[in-house]
Amino acid sequence: MHNPSFLTSNSLKPKLVSALGFVTAMLLSSYAAADESPQRVVSAGAGVTELIVALDAVDELVAVDSTSHLPQGHDDIAKLGYHRMLSAEGILALSPNLLLGTDAMGPKATLDVLSGAKVNVVQLPHANTQSQLLSNIEQIGQLLQRQGEAEVLQNNIKQSFKDIAQKQQQIAQQGDAPKVLFLLLQADRPARVGGDETAADIIIKLAGGNNIAGFSGYKSVSQEGILALNPDVILISNRSDKAVDDPVGDLLKAMPLLAHTPAGENKQIQSLKPQALLGGLGLSAIEAADKLASDFINVKQY
């Protein structure tokens, strides 16, 4: 007569162990698959989106805000509203698990609703310095599991700052820094000059120039006022959805006195890409500052 307890403790034991091992392996496999599955990311901010693209994580984006620029071939990524006026309903409809932006993202009520719906809402500090930009890249790299790409990008940025610093020294050796004025152009509105604490100011100073506006923020300044400031370089950017064929020519038609400044006489009126002015100190801003520093070296001052 067979002993049931003997069967359980000997004959069936290897089978039970094998079955438990199989179940455990399946569970671990499912957890690993969940961890490796692509995230569904919403990016709210031009500078943040730029970093996500640079980290080769654009395929994880399901939506970006209206200020963000995406590479060609990604028209399937939804465009949301302005990053300060996000809609919880529109974002939740995309089933994201991560909303990534800066401390300018909002409104708070929308962020609270998203957090309550188990969306990971991450607000990065606005980057106005190299150290903060590098810190933001590190955090994004961790969130998107792109630590290797983040390290490469950080090293590239550090080298860019070294290159710009060398150009700054060369500019300083030539005498006083070039006097620079930035004009923000908008349809049906007077041109506004960008002073301290603006995106243009960050680029001008990083490039080794002297922003001669003399105030903070943006203000309207007359042609006569600009003429009196005697700028060596005038930078312009057009905040318009429509491409402008000849922005400098259009400016001189609207404000002919600018042709009589040193900038106008020496053809040192230049355009800045709008994306360089969005998102604080970002990749486009660094690229613009590097080019501008090279231009400053060649500026003939009077």
Foldseek 3Di string as FASTA:
>chain_A
DDDVVVCVVPVCVVVVVVVVVVVVVVVVVVVVCVVPDQFEEEEAFQQVQVLCVLLVNNVNYQEYEPLHDDDPPPPNRHYAYHQQDGDLVVVVVSVGQEYEYAPSGDDPVSVVVCVVVNRHYDHQHQDQDLVSQLVVLCVVCVVRVSNVSSVVVNVVVVVLLVLLVVLLVLLVVVPAFFEEWEWEAEPPDAIKIADPPFLVNSLQVSLNHHDQPPDHGIDHDALVRVQVSQGLAYEYEYPDPDDDPCVPVVVCVVRVSVCVGNCNVVVRYYYQYPSLRIRHDHDSSSVSSSVVSVVRSVGDDD
